[in-house]
N, C-alpha and C. Protein backbone atom coordinates (compact mmCIF):
# COMPACT_ATOMS: atom_id res chain seq x y z
N ASP A 1 43.32 22.27 12.99
CA ASP A 1 44.42 21.53 13.35
C ASP A 1 44.50 20.25 12.70
N ALA A 2 45.71 19.96 12.05
CA ALA A 2 45.90 18.67 11.23
C ALA A 2 45.83 17.48 11.99
N LYS A 3 46.16 17.48 13.33
CA LYS A 3 46.06 16.44 14.17
C LYS A 3 44.61 15.85 14.28
N TRP A 4 43.55 16.83 14.46
CA TRP A 4 42.28 16.36 14.63
C TRP A 4 41.69 16.00 13.31
N ALA A 5 42.16 16.67 12.26
CA ALA A 5 41.64 16.25 10.92
C ALA A 5 42.06 14.84 10.55
N ASP A 6 43.25 14.52 10.88
CA ASP A 6 43.75 13.18 10.61
C ASP A 6 42.98 12.18 11.50
N SER A 7 42.58 12.42 12.75
CA SER A 7 41.97 11.65 13.60
C SER A 7 40.47 11.35 13.03
N ILE A 8 39.89 12.48 12.43
CA ILE A 8 38.52 12.29 11.89
C ILE A 8 38.66 11.44 10.64
N MET A 9 39.62 11.57 9.86
CA MET A 9 39.86 10.83 8.61
C MET A 9 40.06 9.32 9.03
N GLU A 10 40.79 8.98 10.15
CA GLU A 10 41.05 7.81 10.55
C GLU A 10 39.76 7.07 11.09
N LEU A 11 38.96 7.79 11.73
CA LEU A 11 37.64 7.34 12.12
C LEU A 11 36.69 6.99 11.01
N MET A 12 36.61 7.88 10.02
CA MET A 12 35.81 7.72 9.08
C MET A 12 36.25 6.41 8.15
N THR A 13 37.54 6.22 8.06
CA THR A 13 38.14 5.01 7.31
C THR A 13 37.56 3.82 8.10
N ALA A 14 37.73 3.79 9.45
CA ALA A 14 37.29 2.66 10.19
C ALA A 14 35.75 2.41 10.12
N VAL A 15 35.08 3.41 10.14
CA VAL A 15 33.59 3.28 9.88
C VAL A 15 33.27 2.72 8.58
N ASP A 16 33.90 3.24 7.55
CA ASP A 16 33.71 2.59 6.13
C ASP A 16 34.09 1.09 6.06
N GLU A 17 35.07 0.77 6.82
CA GLU A 17 35.52 -0.64 6.76
C GLU A 17 34.53 -1.52 7.53
N TYR A 18 34.00 -0.91 8.67
CA TYR A 18 33.22 -1.66 9.54
C TYR A 18 31.74 -1.85 9.04
N ILE A 19 31.21 -0.71 8.47
CA ILE A 19 29.74 -0.60 8.09
C ILE A 19 29.72 -1.04 6.68
N THR A 20 29.17 -2.03 6.10
CA THR A 20 29.21 -2.37 4.78
C THR A 20 28.08 -1.55 4.06
N THR A 21 28.26 -1.41 2.78
CA THR A 21 27.38 -0.77 1.85
C THR A 21 26.18 -1.57 1.73
N PRO A 22 24.95 -1.02 2.17
CA PRO A 22 23.77 -1.88 2.05
C PRO A 22 23.39 -2.33 0.67
N GLU A 23 22.78 -3.48 0.53
CA GLU A 23 22.28 -3.92 -0.80
C GLU A 23 21.30 -3.00 -1.28
N ARG A 24 21.27 -2.68 -2.49
CA ARG A 24 20.10 -1.78 -2.93
C ARG A 24 19.47 -2.63 -3.98
N ALA A 25 18.05 -2.50 -3.89
CA ALA A 25 17.14 -3.28 -4.75
C ALA A 25 17.18 -2.77 -6.21
N VAL A 26 18.30 -2.54 -6.79
CA VAL A 26 18.29 -2.01 -8.13
C VAL A 26 18.00 -2.90 -9.18
N ASP A 27 17.95 -4.23 -8.91
CA ASP A 27 17.65 -5.15 -10.00
C ASP A 27 16.23 -5.51 -10.10
N LYS A 28 15.34 -4.82 -9.34
CA LYS A 28 13.83 -5.06 -9.32
C LYS A 28 13.31 -3.76 -10.06
N PRO A 29 12.03 -3.97 -10.34
CA PRO A 29 11.26 -2.93 -11.19
C PRO A 29 11.30 -1.72 -10.27
N PHE A 30 11.39 -0.52 -11.01
CA PHE A 30 11.30 0.76 -10.22
C PHE A 30 10.00 0.97 -9.62
N LEU A 31 10.20 1.66 -8.44
CA LEU A 31 9.03 1.96 -7.58
C LEU A 31 9.34 3.18 -6.63
N MET A 32 8.54 4.13 -6.83
CA MET A 32 8.69 5.38 -6.00
C MET A 32 7.30 5.92 -5.61
N PRO A 33 7.10 6.05 -4.24
CA PRO A 33 5.93 6.71 -3.69
C PRO A 33 5.95 8.29 -3.99
N VAL A 34 5.06 8.78 -4.40
CA VAL A 34 5.03 10.35 -4.62
C VAL A 34 4.87 11.02 -3.29
N GLU A 35 5.87 12.04 -3.04
CA GLU A 35 5.75 12.68 -1.88
C GLU A 35 5.14 14.19 -2.13
N ASP A 36 5.46 14.80 -3.25
CA ASP A 36 4.99 16.07 -3.48
C ASP A 36 4.74 16.20 -5.03
N VAL A 37 3.86 17.12 -5.43
CA VAL A 37 3.56 17.30 -6.90
C VAL A 37 3.45 18.83 -7.21
N PHE A 38 4.08 19.06 -8.46
CA PHE A 38 4.03 20.54 -8.86
C PHE A 38 3.79 20.45 -10.27
N THR A 39 3.03 21.44 -10.77
CA THR A 39 2.79 21.51 -12.15
C THR A 39 3.49 22.79 -12.71
N ILE A 40 4.37 22.53 -13.73
CA ILE A 40 4.92 23.64 -14.41
C ILE A 40 4.34 23.87 -15.79
N THR A 41 3.66 24.99 -15.96
CA THR A 41 2.84 25.16 -17.27
C THR A 41 3.80 25.07 -18.39
N GLY A 42 3.46 24.17 -19.38
CA GLY A 42 4.12 24.00 -20.55
C GLY A 42 5.26 22.90 -20.47
N ARG A 43 5.58 22.48 -19.22
CA ARG A 43 6.68 21.57 -19.00
C ARG A 43 6.13 20.22 -18.43
N GLY A 44 5.05 20.11 -17.99
CA GLY A 44 4.45 18.93 -17.48
C GLY A 44 4.42 18.94 -15.99
N THR A 45 4.14 17.70 -15.34
CA THR A 45 4.05 17.59 -13.98
C THR A 45 5.36 17.18 -13.36
N VAL A 46 5.61 17.71 -12.13
CA VAL A 46 6.89 17.41 -11.60
C VAL A 46 6.50 16.73 -10.22
N VAL A 47 7.06 15.50 -10.03
CA VAL A 47 6.86 14.67 -8.80
C VAL A 47 8.13 14.50 -7.98
N THR A 48 8.08 14.54 -6.77
CA THR A 48 9.26 14.23 -5.86
C THR A 48 9.01 12.94 -5.01
N GLY A 49 10.11 12.35 -4.67
CA GLY A 49 9.98 11.23 -3.88
C GLY A 49 11.27 10.45 -3.68
N ARG A 50 11.22 9.34 -2.94
CA ARG A 50 12.46 8.49 -2.77
C ARG A 50 12.26 7.25 -3.45
N ALA A 51 13.20 6.89 -4.39
CA ALA A 51 13.11 5.63 -5.08
C ALA A 51 13.21 4.54 -4.07
N GLU A 52 12.20 3.57 -4.04
CA GLU A 52 12.18 2.42 -3.05
C GLU A 52 12.96 1.30 -3.65
N ARG A 53 13.03 1.05 -4.95
CA ARG A 53 13.66 0.03 -5.63
C ARG A 53 13.82 0.39 -7.06
N GLY A 54 14.74 -0.42 -7.73
CA GLY A 54 14.88 -0.38 -9.13
C GLY A 54 15.70 0.83 -9.57
N THR A 55 15.91 0.91 -10.94
CA THR A 55 16.56 2.11 -11.61
C THR A 55 15.57 2.46 -12.69
N LEU A 56 15.73 3.74 -13.09
CA LEU A 56 14.83 4.37 -13.99
C LEU A 56 15.59 5.32 -14.96
N PRO A 57 16.05 5.00 -16.15
CA PRO A 57 16.62 5.93 -17.08
C PRO A 57 15.70 6.89 -17.47
N ILE A 58 16.35 8.06 -17.91
CA ILE A 58 15.51 9.23 -18.48
C ILE A 58 14.89 8.74 -19.73
N ASN A 59 13.78 9.34 -20.11
CA ASN A 59 12.87 8.91 -21.22
C ASN A 59 12.26 7.51 -21.18
N SER A 60 12.21 7.02 -19.84
CA SER A 60 11.41 5.75 -19.74
C SER A 60 9.85 5.98 -19.57
N GLU A 61 9.20 5.08 -19.90
CA GLU A 61 7.83 5.08 -19.86
C GLU A 61 7.46 4.60 -18.39
N VAL A 62 6.62 5.25 -17.69
CA VAL A 62 6.19 4.89 -16.29
C VAL A 62 4.67 4.86 -16.22
N GLU A 63 4.15 4.20 -15.17
CA GLU A 63 2.68 4.20 -14.89
C GLU A 63 2.61 4.85 -13.55
N ILE A 64 1.64 5.69 -13.34
CA ILE A 64 1.10 6.24 -12.15
C ILE A 64 -0.08 5.52 -11.61
N VAL A 65 0.27 4.78 -10.41
CA VAL A 65 -0.82 4.01 -9.78
C VAL A 65 -1.23 4.68 -8.46
N GLY A 66 -2.57 4.74 -8.33
CA GLY A 66 -3.10 5.30 -7.20
C GLY A 66 -4.53 5.03 -7.10
N ILE A 67 -5.45 5.93 -6.62
CA ILE A 67 -6.88 5.63 -6.44
C ILE A 67 -7.63 6.09 -7.78
N ARG A 68 -6.92 6.71 -8.71
CA ARG A 68 -7.63 7.01 -10.03
C ARG A 68 -7.11 5.82 -11.00
N PRO A 69 -7.71 5.78 -12.19
CA PRO A 69 -7.28 4.77 -13.15
C PRO A 69 -5.81 5.03 -13.50
N ILE A 70 -5.06 3.98 -13.83
CA ILE A 70 -3.57 4.03 -14.06
C ILE A 70 -3.32 5.18 -15.25
N GLN A 71 -2.31 5.91 -15.17
CA GLN A 71 -1.92 6.76 -16.19
C GLN A 71 -0.45 6.39 -16.63
N LYS A 72 -0.31 6.54 -17.94
CA LYS A 72 0.98 6.22 -18.43
C LYS A 72 1.66 7.61 -18.97
N THR A 73 2.93 7.70 -18.74
CA THR A 73 3.52 8.90 -19.25
C THR A 73 5.09 8.63 -19.41
N THR A 74 5.79 9.42 -19.81
CA THR A 74 7.35 9.36 -19.97
C THR A 74 8.05 10.34 -18.99
N VAL A 75 9.07 9.92 -18.43
CA VAL A 75 9.89 10.81 -17.59
C VAL A 75 10.95 11.60 -18.42
N THR A 76 10.78 12.86 -18.49
CA THR A 76 11.65 13.58 -19.31
C THR A 76 12.79 14.31 -18.67
N GLY A 77 12.63 14.21 -17.31
CA GLY A 77 13.91 14.84 -16.58
C GLY A 77 14.06 14.01 -15.21
N ILE A 78 15.35 13.97 -14.68
CA ILE A 78 15.54 13.38 -13.33
C ILE A 78 16.60 14.43 -12.66
N VAL A 79 16.27 14.88 -11.46
CA VAL A 79 17.08 15.72 -10.87
C VAL A 79 17.22 15.43 -9.39
N THR A 80 18.40 15.64 -8.90
CA THR A 80 18.66 15.45 -7.53
C THR A 80 19.49 16.76 -7.00
N PHE A 81 19.88 16.79 -5.85
CA PHE A 81 20.62 17.91 -5.32
C PHE A 81 21.97 18.06 -6.07
N ASP A 82 22.49 16.93 -6.77
CA ASP A 82 23.69 16.93 -7.57
C ASP A 82 23.41 17.41 -8.85
N GLY A 83 22.18 17.68 -9.18
CA GLY A 83 21.98 18.24 -10.62
C GLY A 83 21.15 17.20 -11.42
N ASN A 84 21.19 17.38 -12.77
CA ASN A 84 20.39 16.60 -13.61
C ASN A 84 21.26 15.28 -13.77
N LEU A 85 20.39 14.16 -13.74
CA LEU A 85 20.89 12.70 -13.91
C LEU A 85 20.26 12.20 -15.16
N ASN A 86 20.97 11.05 -15.72
CA ASN A 86 20.48 10.26 -16.74
C ASN A 86 19.70 9.04 -16.20
N GLU A 87 19.81 8.76 -14.88
CA GLU A 87 19.21 7.61 -14.32
C GLU A 87 18.90 7.79 -12.89
N ALA A 88 17.80 7.36 -12.27
CA ALA A 88 17.53 7.38 -10.95
C ALA A 88 17.49 5.99 -10.48
N PHE A 89 17.95 5.85 -9.14
CA PHE A 89 18.04 4.40 -8.53
C PHE A 89 17.74 4.50 -7.14
N ALA A 90 17.39 3.44 -6.54
CA ALA A 90 17.05 3.27 -5.04
C ALA A 90 18.40 3.37 -4.30
N PRO A 91 18.52 4.10 -3.43
CA PRO A 91 17.41 4.85 -2.46
C PRO A 91 17.46 6.32 -2.70
N GLN A 92 17.74 6.89 -3.86
CA GLN A 92 17.95 8.27 -4.12
C GLN A 92 16.55 9.04 -3.93
N SER A 93 16.53 10.15 -3.34
CA SER A 93 15.55 11.17 -3.43
C SER A 93 15.73 11.88 -4.73
N VAL A 94 14.56 11.93 -5.44
CA VAL A 94 14.71 12.56 -6.80
C VAL A 94 13.38 13.29 -7.17
N THR A 95 13.55 14.16 -8.09
CA THR A 95 12.51 14.93 -8.68
C THR A 95 12.33 14.36 -10.19
N LEU A 96 11.16 13.94 -10.65
CA LEU A 96 10.91 13.63 -11.88
C LEU A 96 10.07 14.46 -12.71
N THR A 97 10.46 14.87 -13.76
CA THR A 97 9.53 15.65 -14.65
C THR A 97 8.84 14.74 -15.57
N LEU A 98 7.61 14.77 -15.57
CA LEU A 98 6.66 13.85 -16.54
C LEU A 98 6.34 14.74 -17.76
N ALA A 99 6.09 14.00 -18.82
CA ALA A 99 5.96 14.61 -20.23
C ALA A 99 4.57 15.33 -20.22
N GLU A 100 3.52 15.04 -19.50
CA GLU A 100 2.32 15.66 -19.65
C GLU A 100 1.89 16.28 -18.27
N ASP A 101 0.88 17.24 -18.31
CA ASP A 101 0.20 17.66 -17.16
C ASP A 101 -0.83 16.65 -16.71
N LEU A 102 -0.51 15.96 -15.53
CA LEU A 102 -1.30 14.76 -15.07
C LEU A 102 -1.91 15.20 -13.73
N ASP A 103 -2.91 14.34 -13.40
CA ASP A 103 -3.45 14.50 -12.10
C ASP A 103 -2.87 13.47 -11.20
N VAL A 104 -1.91 13.82 -10.44
CA VAL A 104 -1.02 12.98 -9.53
C VAL A 104 -1.14 13.52 -8.20
N SER A 105 -1.28 12.56 -7.22
CA SER A 105 -1.43 13.02 -5.82
C SER A 105 -0.28 12.44 -4.91
N ARG A 106 -0.12 13.01 -3.82
CA ARG A 106 0.76 12.52 -2.90
C ARG A 106 0.31 11.10 -2.49
N GLY A 107 1.11 10.16 -2.37
CA GLY A 107 0.77 8.70 -2.03
C GLY A 107 0.64 7.80 -3.30
N ASP A 108 0.52 8.45 -4.46
CA ASP A 108 0.52 7.61 -5.64
C ASP A 108 2.00 7.00 -5.93
N MET A 109 2.00 5.94 -6.62
CA MET A 109 3.23 5.24 -6.92
C MET A 109 3.60 5.49 -8.34
N ILE A 110 4.87 5.73 -8.64
CA ILE A 110 5.42 5.76 -9.94
C ILE A 110 6.19 4.37 -10.04
N THR A 111 5.66 3.77 -11.15
CA THR A 111 6.30 2.31 -11.33
C THR A 111 6.69 2.26 -12.76
N GLY A 112 7.52 1.13 -13.02
CA GLY A 112 7.88 0.80 -14.37
C GLY A 112 6.49 0.15 -14.99
N VAL A 113 6.44 0.35 -16.39
CA VAL A 113 5.32 -0.18 -16.95
C VAL A 113 5.00 -1.59 -16.75
N GLU A 114 3.78 -2.02 -16.26
CA GLU A 114 3.36 -3.19 -16.06
C GLU A 114 4.06 -3.96 -14.75
N HIS A 115 4.66 -3.01 -13.86
CA HIS A 115 5.38 -3.56 -12.75
C HIS A 115 4.74 -3.00 -11.52
N PHE A 116 3.50 -2.56 -11.43
CA PHE A 116 2.96 -1.94 -10.26
C PHE A 116 2.68 -2.99 -9.17
N PRO A 117 2.71 -2.50 -7.88
CA PRO A 117 2.54 -3.56 -6.87
C PRO A 117 1.04 -4.15 -6.79
N GLU A 118 0.90 -5.22 -6.38
CA GLU A 118 -0.50 -5.83 -6.31
C GLU A 118 -1.36 -5.17 -5.20
N PRO A 119 -2.45 -4.61 -5.46
CA PRO A 119 -3.21 -3.89 -4.43
C PRO A 119 -3.80 -4.96 -3.60
N ARG A 120 -3.77 -4.72 -2.26
CA ARG A 120 -4.45 -5.63 -1.16
C ARG A 120 -5.11 -4.85 -0.16
N LYS A 121 -6.10 -5.31 0.44
CA LYS A 121 -6.82 -4.85 1.50
C LYS A 121 -6.51 -5.49 2.81
N GLU A 122 -5.96 -6.77 2.76
CA GLU A 122 -5.59 -7.61 3.91
C GLU A 122 -4.27 -8.00 3.68
N PHE A 123 -3.43 -8.00 4.81
CA PHE A 123 -2.05 -8.50 4.75
C PHE A 123 -1.52 -8.80 6.11
N ASN A 124 -0.40 -9.61 6.21
CA ASN A 124 0.21 -9.94 7.42
C ASN A 124 1.63 -9.08 7.57
N SER A 125 2.01 -8.81 8.66
CA SER A 125 3.20 -7.95 8.85
C SER A 125 3.85 -8.49 10.06
N THR A 126 5.16 -7.88 10.31
CA THR A 126 5.84 -8.16 11.47
C THR A 126 6.17 -6.76 12.09
N ILE A 127 5.76 -6.50 13.31
CA ILE A 127 5.76 -5.13 13.91
C ILE A 127 6.26 -5.10 15.26
N CYS A 128 6.82 -4.00 15.86
CA CYS A 128 7.15 -3.75 17.14
C CYS A 128 6.06 -2.72 17.55
N TRP A 129 5.24 -3.22 18.56
CA TRP A 129 4.23 -2.20 19.00
C TRP A 129 4.76 -1.27 19.99
N MET A 130 4.60 0.12 19.64
CA MET A 130 5.34 1.21 20.27
C MET A 130 4.36 1.97 21.32
N SER A 131 3.13 1.84 21.16
CA SER A 131 2.17 2.60 21.97
C SER A 131 2.04 2.10 23.41
N ARG A 132 1.68 3.04 24.29
CA ARG A 132 1.53 2.54 25.71
C ARG A 132 0.16 1.86 25.75
N GLU A 133 -0.76 2.23 24.93
CA GLU A 133 -2.08 1.61 24.84
C GLU A 133 -1.92 0.18 24.04
N PRO A 134 -2.53 -0.87 24.72
CA PRO A 134 -2.35 -2.13 24.03
C PRO A 134 -3.06 -2.27 22.58
N MET A 135 -2.60 -3.05 21.74
CA MET A 135 -3.14 -3.32 20.55
C MET A 135 -3.93 -4.60 20.65
N ARG A 136 -5.27 -4.47 20.28
CA ARG A 136 -6.23 -5.51 20.68
C ARG A 136 -6.83 -6.02 19.16
N ILE A 137 -7.16 -7.30 19.18
CA ILE A 137 -7.87 -7.77 17.93
C ILE A 137 -9.17 -7.07 17.89
N GLY A 138 -9.57 -6.47 16.67
CA GLY A 138 -10.77 -5.87 16.45
C GLY A 138 -10.67 -4.27 16.67
N SER A 139 -9.61 -3.77 17.06
CA SER A 139 -9.21 -2.39 17.20
C SER A 139 -8.97 -1.87 15.92
N LYS A 140 -9.33 -0.53 15.75
CA LYS A 140 -9.09 0.29 14.47
C LYS A 140 -8.15 1.20 14.68
N TYR A 141 -7.29 1.44 13.60
CA TYR A 141 -6.12 2.38 13.58
C TYR A 141 -6.22 3.07 12.32
N LEU A 142 -5.29 4.20 12.22
CA LEU A 142 -4.90 4.77 11.09
C LEU A 142 -3.43 4.30 10.70
N LEU A 143 -3.31 3.65 9.53
CA LEU A 143 -2.02 3.02 9.04
C LEU A 143 -1.51 3.93 7.86
N ARG A 144 -0.22 4.14 8.23
CA ARG A 144 0.45 4.94 7.09
C ARG A 144 1.11 3.95 6.15
N HIS A 145 0.76 4.09 4.88
CA HIS A 145 1.20 3.33 3.85
C HIS A 145 1.98 4.33 3.01
N THR A 146 3.23 4.32 2.78
CA THR A 146 4.09 5.21 2.05
C THR A 146 3.71 6.65 2.45
N THR A 147 3.02 7.40 1.71
CA THR A 147 2.77 8.81 2.11
C THR A 147 1.20 8.96 2.32
N ARG A 148 0.45 7.81 2.38
CA ARG A 148 -1.00 7.85 2.43
C ARG A 148 -1.37 7.18 3.87
N ARG A 149 -2.39 7.74 4.41
CA ARG A 149 -3.08 7.16 5.61
C ARG A 149 -4.31 6.39 5.34
N VAL A 150 -4.63 5.25 5.77
CA VAL A 150 -5.75 4.50 5.52
C VAL A 150 -6.30 4.05 6.86
N LYS A 151 -7.65 3.80 6.97
CA LYS A 151 -8.19 3.17 8.09
C LYS A 151 -7.93 1.64 8.06
N ALA A 152 -7.58 1.11 9.28
CA ALA A 152 -7.06 -0.31 9.28
C ALA A 152 -7.75 -0.89 10.70
N MET A 153 -7.93 -2.27 10.55
CA MET A 153 -8.38 -2.97 11.75
C MET A 153 -7.53 -4.33 11.85
N VAL A 154 -7.09 -4.62 13.08
CA VAL A 154 -6.29 -5.79 13.33
C VAL A 154 -7.39 -6.86 13.40
N THR A 155 -7.28 -7.99 12.50
CA THR A 155 -8.26 -8.95 12.60
C THR A 155 -7.65 -10.23 13.24
N ALA A 156 -6.40 -10.37 13.45
CA ALA A 156 -5.82 -11.52 14.06
C ALA A 156 -4.42 -11.09 14.57
N ILE A 157 -3.88 -11.74 15.54
CA ILE A 157 -2.50 -11.78 15.91
C ILE A 157 -2.00 -13.23 15.72
N HIS A 158 -1.14 -13.41 14.69
CA HIS A 158 -0.80 -14.94 14.59
C HIS A 158 0.22 -15.32 15.66
N TYR A 159 1.10 -14.45 16.12
CA TYR A 159 1.98 -14.84 17.27
C TYR A 159 2.64 -13.65 17.80
N LYS A 160 3.11 -13.76 19.00
CA LYS A 160 4.08 -12.76 19.64
C LYS A 160 5.39 -13.39 19.77
N LEU A 161 6.53 -12.71 19.50
CA LEU A 161 7.68 -13.28 19.54
C LEU A 161 8.52 -12.90 20.84
N ASP A 162 8.99 -13.93 21.63
CA ASP A 162 9.84 -13.64 22.66
C ASP A 162 11.27 -13.37 22.20
N PRO A 163 11.79 -12.13 22.39
CA PRO A 163 12.93 -11.74 21.79
C PRO A 163 14.24 -12.55 22.43
N ASN A 164 14.10 -13.06 23.59
CA ASN A 164 15.17 -13.76 24.25
C ASN A 164 15.36 -15.24 23.74
N THR A 165 14.23 -15.82 23.60
CA THR A 165 14.25 -17.19 23.10
C THR A 165 13.79 -17.49 21.71
N LEU A 166 13.23 -16.48 21.00
CA LEU A 166 12.70 -16.44 19.65
C LEU A 166 11.50 -17.41 19.57
N GLU A 167 10.93 -17.82 20.61
CA GLU A 167 9.70 -18.70 20.68
C GLU A 167 8.57 -17.79 20.33
N ARG A 168 7.60 -18.38 19.63
CA ARG A 168 6.44 -17.78 19.12
C ARG A 168 5.09 -18.21 20.00
N ASP A 169 4.61 -17.19 20.70
CA ASP A 169 3.45 -17.48 21.57
C ASP A 169 2.24 -17.20 20.61
N THR A 170 1.37 -18.35 20.28
CA THR A 170 0.34 -18.24 19.30
C THR A 170 -1.08 -17.79 20.05
N GLU A 171 -1.05 -17.92 21.39
CA GLU A 171 -2.20 -17.68 22.18
C GLU A 171 -2.28 -16.09 22.67
N VAL A 172 -2.32 -15.26 21.75
CA VAL A 172 -2.23 -13.84 22.00
C VAL A 172 -3.48 -13.13 21.70
N GLU A 173 -4.10 -12.32 22.52
CA GLU A 173 -5.37 -11.49 22.38
C GLU A 173 -4.91 -10.00 22.02
N GLU A 174 -3.78 -9.62 22.62
CA GLU A 174 -3.23 -8.08 22.65
C GLU A 174 -1.87 -8.04 22.78
N LEU A 175 -1.37 -6.87 22.23
CA LEU A 175 0.12 -6.56 22.31
C LEU A 175 0.36 -5.50 23.18
N ARG A 176 1.34 -5.51 24.04
CA ARG A 176 1.70 -4.39 24.89
C ARG A 176 2.88 -3.67 24.37
N GLN A 177 3.32 -2.46 25.03
CA GLN A 177 4.37 -1.69 24.44
C GLN A 177 5.65 -2.57 24.24
N ASN A 178 6.40 -2.36 23.19
CA ASN A 178 7.55 -3.11 22.83
C ASN A 178 7.53 -4.59 22.42
N ASP A 179 6.13 -5.08 22.41
CA ASP A 179 6.03 -6.47 21.88
C ASP A 179 6.31 -6.54 20.42
N ILE A 180 6.87 -7.70 20.10
CA ILE A 180 7.17 -8.00 18.52
C ILE A 180 6.23 -9.09 18.20
N ALA A 181 5.40 -8.83 17.18
CA ALA A 181 4.45 -9.73 16.74
C ALA A 181 4.09 -9.70 15.23
N SER A 182 3.22 -10.71 14.89
CA SER A 182 2.84 -10.68 13.48
C SER A 182 1.18 -10.66 13.49
N PRO A 183 0.62 -9.40 13.25
CA PRO A 183 -0.69 -9.22 13.18
C PRO A 183 -1.24 -9.38 11.75
N LYS A 184 -2.46 -9.76 11.55
CA LYS A 184 -3.23 -9.68 10.37
C LYS A 184 -4.00 -8.37 10.20
N THR A 185 -3.93 -7.60 9.18
CA THR A 185 -4.54 -6.38 9.24
C THR A 185 -5.45 -6.21 7.94
N ARG A 186 -6.57 -5.60 8.06
CA ARG A 186 -7.42 -5.36 7.07
C ARG A 186 -7.57 -3.68 6.85
N THR A 187 -7.58 -3.26 5.65
CA THR A 187 -7.67 -1.77 5.33
C THR A 187 -9.06 -1.45 4.73
N SER A 188 -9.47 -0.19 4.96
CA SER A 188 -10.78 0.22 4.36
C SER A 188 -10.69 0.50 2.93
N THR A 189 -9.55 0.68 2.51
CA THR A 189 -9.32 1.02 0.95
C THR A 189 -8.04 0.43 0.58
N PHE A 190 -7.82 0.31 -0.75
CA PHE A 190 -6.57 -0.07 -1.25
C PHE A 190 -5.64 1.09 -1.25
N ALA A 191 -4.41 0.80 -0.91
CA ALA A 191 -3.32 1.80 -0.97
C ALA A 191 -3.16 2.11 -2.49
N ALA A 192 -3.26 1.34 -3.26
CA ALA A 192 -3.20 1.57 -4.75
C ALA A 192 -4.20 0.66 -5.57
N ARG A 193 -4.95 1.16 -6.48
CA ARG A 193 -5.98 0.50 -7.29
C ARG A 193 -5.54 0.47 -8.65
N ARG A 194 -6.10 -0.57 -9.33
CA ARG A 194 -5.80 -0.82 -10.70
C ARG A 194 -6.80 0.04 -11.53
């Protein structure tokens, strides 16, 4: 019915006007966590994932950063559901064909040459604690970083944020469900090594 089709188009126009297009981190170096890996004999390794930032033209040299030594290769193909592309950019989900058969694993990072993230075992973050069990200093957890899980321990809670007043309570020993806070966390291994 044309009446309903027009109403839907009107609604979508209003949505497009109200919701702005998000900024894409396309001006930063390319970074993509590997979600899946396939090897095609004679064609190289194929990796899939979602570009987190940057752009990557076809035939670019990239580095694969993970728990093994860094590997360099060239991207010979970029494919999405729309077909072959000349360039990938954040936040696309893409399949990249690499020039060689390489040992790549889920959780490795595809980066521009010399633009890999700095590996760390300790970091600060801002979180909303969702568990019914309290988060306590010294407690151990499994932390998901991109597509990899690592053992982690909360070493400090810098503050808990009051969402109504935005005041920071620095005398905090634990977090309860729906608390917003800034913990310091240490992991058992690097998410990515050099």
